[in-house]
Amino acid sequence: QGNFGNWQQMVGDQTGDDVFSGQDTGAQNSQDDCVCQHCHQILSKELNALTTHTGQCKDTPRPDTSHAYVCYKCSYHTQSLDRITDHIKKHIRDNHNRDNDIKKHMRDKNYGCPYCPYTARIRSQVKNHMITKHSNVSRMKCEFCNFSTKLIPQLRFHMNHKHANIL
């Protein structure tokens, strides 16, 4: 079975065992909203921390004094702490509105893949996604045709529907 043993420990077997914690992981994908475009540091979403970072980031190009504060997310720059604070508030407000739109759009999609943005309403769908898209589990081949899959239930379904007359 190759590396399936390790994968099985991580996601469980294909019998429907509950292998996820039940936490809503969809929100984890929004972390990159507060990553500094200059130093790639993950930043706190607090206004004070973001404002401080815009004036202290060592990787931010500052060709002259007009670049005392450079936005972590776009090319906006200013000499004024008040102006950079107001500017960052716009990003925070935009993120908040966008996050609400995303939550509304994906209201029932509570389970997220830890490796990519895929989400689903049912845990087993995420588990199957992880097996098919992110694992090195060996594909199982149909003994009657070229069909192959990483999921036992898909192979059973295929056999029952495509080769029922042979079985």
C-alpha atoms as a PDB file:
ATOM      1  CA  GLN A   1       0.000   0.000   0.000  1.00  0.00           C
ATOM      2  CA  GLY A   2       2.975   2.346  -0.269  1.00  0.00           C
ATOM      3  CA  ASN A   3       2.798   5.457   1.901  1.00  0.00           C
ATOM      4  CA  PHE A   4      -0.870   4.923   2.662  1.00  0.00           C
ATOM      5  CA  GLY A   5      -0.082   3.940   6.250  1.00  0.00           C
ATOM      6  CA  ASN A   6       1.238   7.404   7.082  1.00  0.00           C
ATOM      7  CA  TRP A   7      -1.569   9.093   5.182  1.00  0.00           C
ATOM      8  CA  GLN A   8      -4.081   6.878   6.953  1.00  0.00           C
ATOM      9  CA  GLN A   9      -2.765   8.039  10.320  1.00  0.00           C
ATOM     10  CA  MET A  10      -3.181  11.641   9.217  1.00  0.00           C
ATOM     11  CA  VAL A  11      -6.664  11.530   7.684  1.00  0.00           C
ATOM     12  CA  GLY A  12      -8.111   8.192   8.822  1.00  0.00           C
ATOM     13  CA  ASP A  13      -9.229   5.345   6.654  1.00  0.00           C
ATOM     14  CA  GLN A  14     -11.830   5.512   3.911  1.00  0.00           C
ATOM     15  CA  THR A  15     -14.616   3.972   5.962  1.00  0.00           C
ATOM     16  CA  GLY A  16     -16.028   7.285   7.102  1.00  0.00           C
ATOM     17  CA  ASP A  17     -14.128   7.623  10.370  1.00  0.00           C
ATOM     18  CA  ASP A  18     -14.357  11.136  11.762  1.00  0.00           C
ATOM     19  CA  VAL A  19     -10.807  12.448  11.475  1.00  0.00           C
ATOM     20  CA  PHE A  20     -11.280  16.207  11.664  1.00  0.00           C
ATOM     21  CA  SER A  21     -11.646  18.301  14.767  1.00  0.00           C
ATOM     22  CA  GLY A  22     -14.789  20.010  13.564  1.00  0.00           C
ATOM     23  CA  GLN A  23     -13.214  23.453  13.678  1.00  0.00           C
ATOM     24  CA  ASP A  24     -14.152  25.949  11.000  1.00  0.00           C
ATOM     25  CA  THR A  25     -10.921  26.241   9.043  1.00  0.00           C
ATOM     26  CA  GLY A  26     -12.289  28.470   6.312  1.00  0.00           C
ATOM     27  CA  ALA A  27     -11.186  31.571   8.175  1.00  0.00           C
ATOM     28  CA  GLN A  28      -7.571  30.408   8.170  1.00  0.00           C
ATOM     29  CA  ASN A  29      -7.318  31.301   4.510  1.00  0.00           C
ATOM     30  CA  SER A  30      -7.801  34.980   5.278  1.00  0.00           C
ATOM     31  CA  GLN A  31      -4.497  35.196   7.213  1.00  0.00           C
ATOM     32  CA  ASP A  32      -2.643  36.381   4.134  1.00  0.00           C
ATOM     33  CA  ASP A  33      -4.612  39.644   4.267  1.00  0.00           C
ATOM     34  CA  CYS A  34      -2.132  40.934   6.862  1.00  0.00           C
ATOM     35  CA  VAL A  35       1.136  39.856   5.316  1.00  0.00           C
ATOM     36  CA  CYS A  36       3.603  42.641   4.655  1.00  0.00           C
ATOM     37  CA  GLN A  37       4.287  42.858   0.924  1.00  0.00           C
ATOM     38  CA  HIS A  38       7.835  44.003   1.667  1.00  0.00           C
ATOM     39  CA  CYS A  39       9.145  41.582   4.318  1.00  0.00           C
ATOM     40  CA  HIS A  40       6.409  38.894   4.041  1.00  0.00           C
ATOM     41  CA  GLN A  41       5.926  38.879   7.813  1.00  0.00           C
ATOM     42  CA  ILE A  42       2.471  37.854   9.058  1.00  0.00           C
ATOM     43  CA  LEU A  43       1.175  40.866  10.943  1.00  0.00           C
ATOM     44  CA  SER A  44      -1.325  41.280  13.732  1.00  0.00           C
ATOM     45  CA  LYS A  45      -4.628  42.649  12.474  1.00  0.00           C
ATOM     46  CA  GLU A  46      -4.585  45.305  15.191  1.00  0.00           C
ATOM     47  CA  LEU A  47      -4.418  48.868  13.864  1.00  0.00           C
ATOM     48  CA  ASN A  48      -1.612  49.954  16.201  1.00  0.00           C
ATOM     49  CA  ALA A  49       0.599  47.002  15.228  1.00  0.00           C
ATOM     50  CA  LEU A  50      -0.010  47.564  11.516  1.00  0.00           C
ATOM     51  CA  THR A  51       0.711  51.275  11.795  1.00  0.00           C
ATOM     52  CA  THR A  52       3.910  50.647  13.760  1.00  0.00           C
ATOM     53  CA  HIS A  53       5.086  48.114  11.177  1.00  0.00           C
ATOM     54  CA  THR A  54       4.620  50.608   8.303  1.00  0.00           C
ATOM     55  CA  GLY A  55       7.189  52.883   9.920  1.00  0.00           C
ATOM     56  CA  GLN A  56       9.634  50.190  11.051  1.00  0.00           C
ATOM     57  CA  CYS A  57       9.732  47.492   8.344  1.00  0.00           C
ATOM     58  CA  LYS A  58      13.404  47.049   7.434  1.00  0.00           C
ATOM     59  CA  ASP A  59      12.638  45.648   3.961  1.00  0.00           C
ATOM     60  CA  THR A  60      10.495  48.580   2.846  1.00  0.00           C
ATOM     61  CA  PRO A  61      12.178  50.822   0.247  1.00  0.00           C
ATOM     62  CA  ARG A  62      12.313  54.405   1.548  1.00  0.00           C
ATOM     63  CA  PRO A  63      13.946  56.554  -1.155  1.00  0.00           C
ATOM     64  CA  ASP A  64      13.197  59.826   0.645  1.00  0.00           C
ATOM     65  CA  THR A  65      11.503  61.341   3.700  1.00  0.00           C
ATOM     66  CA  SER A  66       8.058  61.115   2.071  1.00  0.00           C
ATOM     67  CA  HIS A  67       8.327  57.371   2.695  1.00  0.00           C
ATOM     68  CA  ALA A  68       8.421  57.569   6.503  1.00  0.00           C
ATOM     69  CA  TYR A  69       5.343  55.306   6.561  1.00  0.00           C
ATOM     70  CA  VAL A  70       4.769  52.845   3.706  1.00  0.00           C
ATOM     71  CA  CYS A  71       1.623  50.724   3.633  1.00  0.00           C
ATOM     72  CA  TYR A  72       2.158  47.008   4.256  1.00  0.00           C
ATOM     73  CA  LYS A  73      -0.417  46.145   1.571  1.00  0.00           C
ATOM     74  CA  CYS A  74      -0.107  48.709  -1.236  1.00  0.00           C
ATOM     75  CA  SER A  75       2.234  51.432  -2.474  1.00  0.00           C
ATOM     76  CA  TYR A  76       0.703  54.256  -0.418  1.00  0.00           C
ATOM     77  CA  HIS A  77       3.299  56.271   1.534  1.00  0.00           C
ATOM     78  CA  THR A  78       3.266  59.384   3.686  1.00  0.00           C
ATOM     79  CA  GLN A  79       5.209  61.300   6.300  1.00  0.00           C
ATOM     80  CA  SER A  80       2.160  61.488   8.566  1.00  0.00           C
ATOM     81  CA  LEU A  81       1.281  58.922  11.215  1.00  0.00           C
ATOM     82  CA  ASP A  82      -2.342  60.132  11.156  1.00  0.00           C
ATOM     83  CA  ARG A  83      -2.594  59.679   7.383  1.00  0.00           C
ATOM     84  CA  ILE A  84      -1.123  56.173   7.394  1.00  0.00           C
ATOM     85  CA  THR A  85      -3.473  55.268  10.250  1.00  0.00           C
ATOM     86  CA  ASP A  86      -6.491  56.509   8.261  1.00  0.00           C
ATOM     87  CA  HIS A  87      -5.218  54.683   5.187  1.00  0.00           C
ATOM     88  CA  ILE A  88      -4.783  51.374   7.040  1.00  0.00           C
ATOM     89  CA  LYS A  89      -8.299  51.719   8.468  1.00  0.00           C
ATOM     90  CA  LYS A  90      -9.571  51.575   4.873  1.00  0.00           C
ATOM     91  CA  HIS A  91      -7.770  48.280   4.309  1.00  0.00           C
ATOM     92  CA  ILE A  92      -9.139  46.897   7.574  1.00  0.00           C
ATOM     93  CA  ARG A  93     -12.676  48.031   6.695  1.00  0.00           C
ATOM     94  CA  ASP A  94     -12.353  46.574   3.176  1.00  0.00           C
ATOM     95  CA  ASN A  95     -11.077  43.279   4.620  1.00  0.00           C
ATOM     96  CA  HIS A  96     -13.900  43.174   7.150  1.00  0.00           C
ATOM     97  CA  ASN A  97     -16.499  43.779   4.443  1.00  0.00           C
ATOM     98  CA  ARG A  98     -14.880  41.225   2.142  1.00  0.00           C
ATOM     99  CA  ASP A  99     -14.623  38.662   4.944  1.00  0.00           C
ATOM    100  CA  ASN A 100     -18.333  39.140   5.661  1.00  0.00           C
ATOM    101  CA  ASP A 101     -19.124  38.706   1.961  1.00  0.00           C
ATOM    102  CA  ILE A 102     -17.055  35.524   1.837  1.00  0.00           C
ATOM    103  CA  LYS A 103     -18.718  34.145   4.979  1.00  0.00           C
ATOM    104  CA  LYS A 104     -22.128  34.951   3.519  1.00  0.00           C
ATOM    105  CA  HIS A 105     -21.238  33.366   0.178  1.00  0.00           C
ATOM    106  CA  MET A 106     -19.811  30.250   1.806  1.00  0.00           C
ATOM    107  CA  ARG A 107     -22.209  30.178   4.750  1.00  0.00           C
ATOM    108  CA  ASP A 108     -22.531  26.409   4.966  1.00  0.00           C
ATOM    109  CA  LYS A 109     -19.006  25.489   3.879  1.00  0.00           C
ATOM    110  CA  ASN A 110     -17.528  24.874   7.307  1.00  0.00           C
ATOM    111  CA  TYR A 111     -14.658  22.480   6.654  1.00  0.00           C
ATOM    112  CA  GLY A 112     -11.471  23.534   4.909  1.00  0.00           C
ATOM    113  CA  CYS A 113      -8.537  21.729   3.405  1.00  0.00           C
ATOM    114  CA  PRO A 114      -5.351  22.597   5.314  1.00  0.00           C
ATOM    115  CA  TYR A 115      -3.349  22.516   2.061  1.00  0.00           C
ATOM    116  CA  CYS A 116      -5.417  24.707  -0.288  1.00  0.00           C
ATOM    117  CA  PRO A 117      -8.523  26.962  -0.317  1.00  0.00           C
ATOM    118  CA  TYR A 118     -10.956  24.059  -0.904  1.00  0.00           C
ATOM    119  CA  THR A 119     -13.937  24.030   1.484  1.00  0.00           C
ATOM    120  CA  ALA A 120     -16.983  21.809   1.850  1.00  0.00           C
ATOM    121  CA  ARG A 121     -20.033  21.409   4.046  1.00  0.00           C
ATOM    122  CA  ILE A 122     -19.289  17.752   4.781  1.00  0.00           C
ATOM    123  CA  ARG A 123     -16.096  16.510   6.441  1.00  0.00           C
ATOM    124  CA  SER A 124     -15.837  13.416   4.276  1.00  0.00           C
ATOM    125  CA  GLN A 125     -15.784  15.597   1.147  1.00  0.00           C
ATOM    126  CA  VAL A 126     -12.701  17.376   2.459  1.00  0.00           C
ATOM    127  CA  LYS A 127     -11.131  14.053   3.420  1.00  0.00           C
ATOM    128  CA  ASN A 128     -11.748  12.674  -0.082  1.00  0.00           C
ATOM    129  CA  HIS A 129     -10.385  15.882  -1.599  1.00  0.00           C
ATOM    130  CA  MET A 130      -7.214  15.572   0.492  1.00  0.00           C
ATOM    131  CA  ILE A 131      -6.720  11.963  -0.582  1.00  0.00           C
ATOM    132  CA  THR A 132      -7.303  12.633  -4.281  1.00  0.00           C
ATOM    133  CA  LYS A 133      -5.486  15.968  -4.577  1.00  0.00           C
ATOM    134  CA  HIS A 134      -2.773  16.045  -1.917  1.00  0.00           C
ATOM    135  CA  SER A 135      -1.731  12.475  -1.145  1.00  0.00           C
ATOM    136  CA  ASN A 136       0.639  10.045  -2.757  1.00  0.00           C
ATOM    137  CA  VAL A 137      -1.811   7.193  -2.181  1.00  0.00           C
ATOM    138  CA  SER A 138      -1.553   4.690  -5.012  1.00  0.00           C
ATOM    139  CA  ARG A 139      -4.329   4.684  -7.554  1.00  0.00           C
ATOM    140  CA  MET A 140      -6.443   1.519  -7.658  1.00  0.00           C
ATOM    141  CA  LYS A 141      -7.124   0.214 -11.163  1.00  0.00           C
ATOM    142  CA  CYS A 142     -10.222  -1.415 -12.537  1.00  0.00           C
ATOM    143  CA  GLU A 143      -9.417  -4.946 -13.655  1.00  0.00           C
ATOM    144  CA  PHE A 144     -11.744  -4.625 -16.674  1.00  0.00           C
ATOM    145  CA  CYS A 145     -10.834  -1.206 -18.157  1.00  0.00           C
ATOM    146  CA  ASN A 146      -8.441   1.751 -17.808  1.00  0.00           C
ATOM    147  CA  PHE A 147     -10.365   3.452 -14.972  1.00  0.00           C
ATOM    148  CA  SER A 148      -8.351   4.218 -11.826  1.00  0.00           C
ATOM    149  CA  THR A 149      -8.992   6.124  -8.610  1.00  0.00           C
ATOM    150  CA  LYS A 150      -7.532   6.754  -5.170  1.00  0.00           C
ATOM    151  CA  LEU A 151     -10.872   6.153  -3.458  1.00  0.00           C
ATOM    152  CA  ILE A 152     -12.266   2.682  -2.769  1.00  0.00           C
ATOM    153  CA  PRO A 153     -15.920   3.841  -2.890  1.00  0.00           C
ATOM    154  CA  GLN A 154     -15.369   5.332  -6.354  1.00  0.00           C
ATOM    155  CA  LEU A 155     -13.892   2.064  -7.606  1.00  0.00           C
ATOM    156  CA  ARG A 156     -16.844   0.112  -6.167  1.00  0.00           C
ATOM    157  CA  PHE A 157     -19.321   2.520  -7.782  1.00  0.00           C
ATOM    158  CA  HIS A 158     -17.498   2.245 -11.116  1.00  0.00           C
ATOM    159  CA  MET A 159     -17.479  -1.557 -10.985  1.00  0.00           C
ATOM    160  CA  ASN A 160     -21.179  -1.754 -10.051  1.00  0.00           C
ATOM    161  CA  HIS A 161     -22.281   0.664 -12.768  1.00  0.00           C
ATOM    162  CA  LYS A 162     -19.885   0.004 -15.651  1.00  0.00           C
ATOM    163  CA  HIS A 163     -19.215  -3.694 -15.239  1.00  0.00           C
ATOM    164  CA  ALA A 164     -22.341  -5.008 -13.503  1.00  0.00           C
ATOM    165  CA  ASN A 165     -22.881  -7.529 -16.308  1.00  0.00           C
ATOM    166  CA  ILE A 166     -19.385  -8.983 -15.744  1.00  0.00           C
ATOM    167  CA  LEU A 167     -19.688  -9.247 -11.975  1.00  0.00           C
END
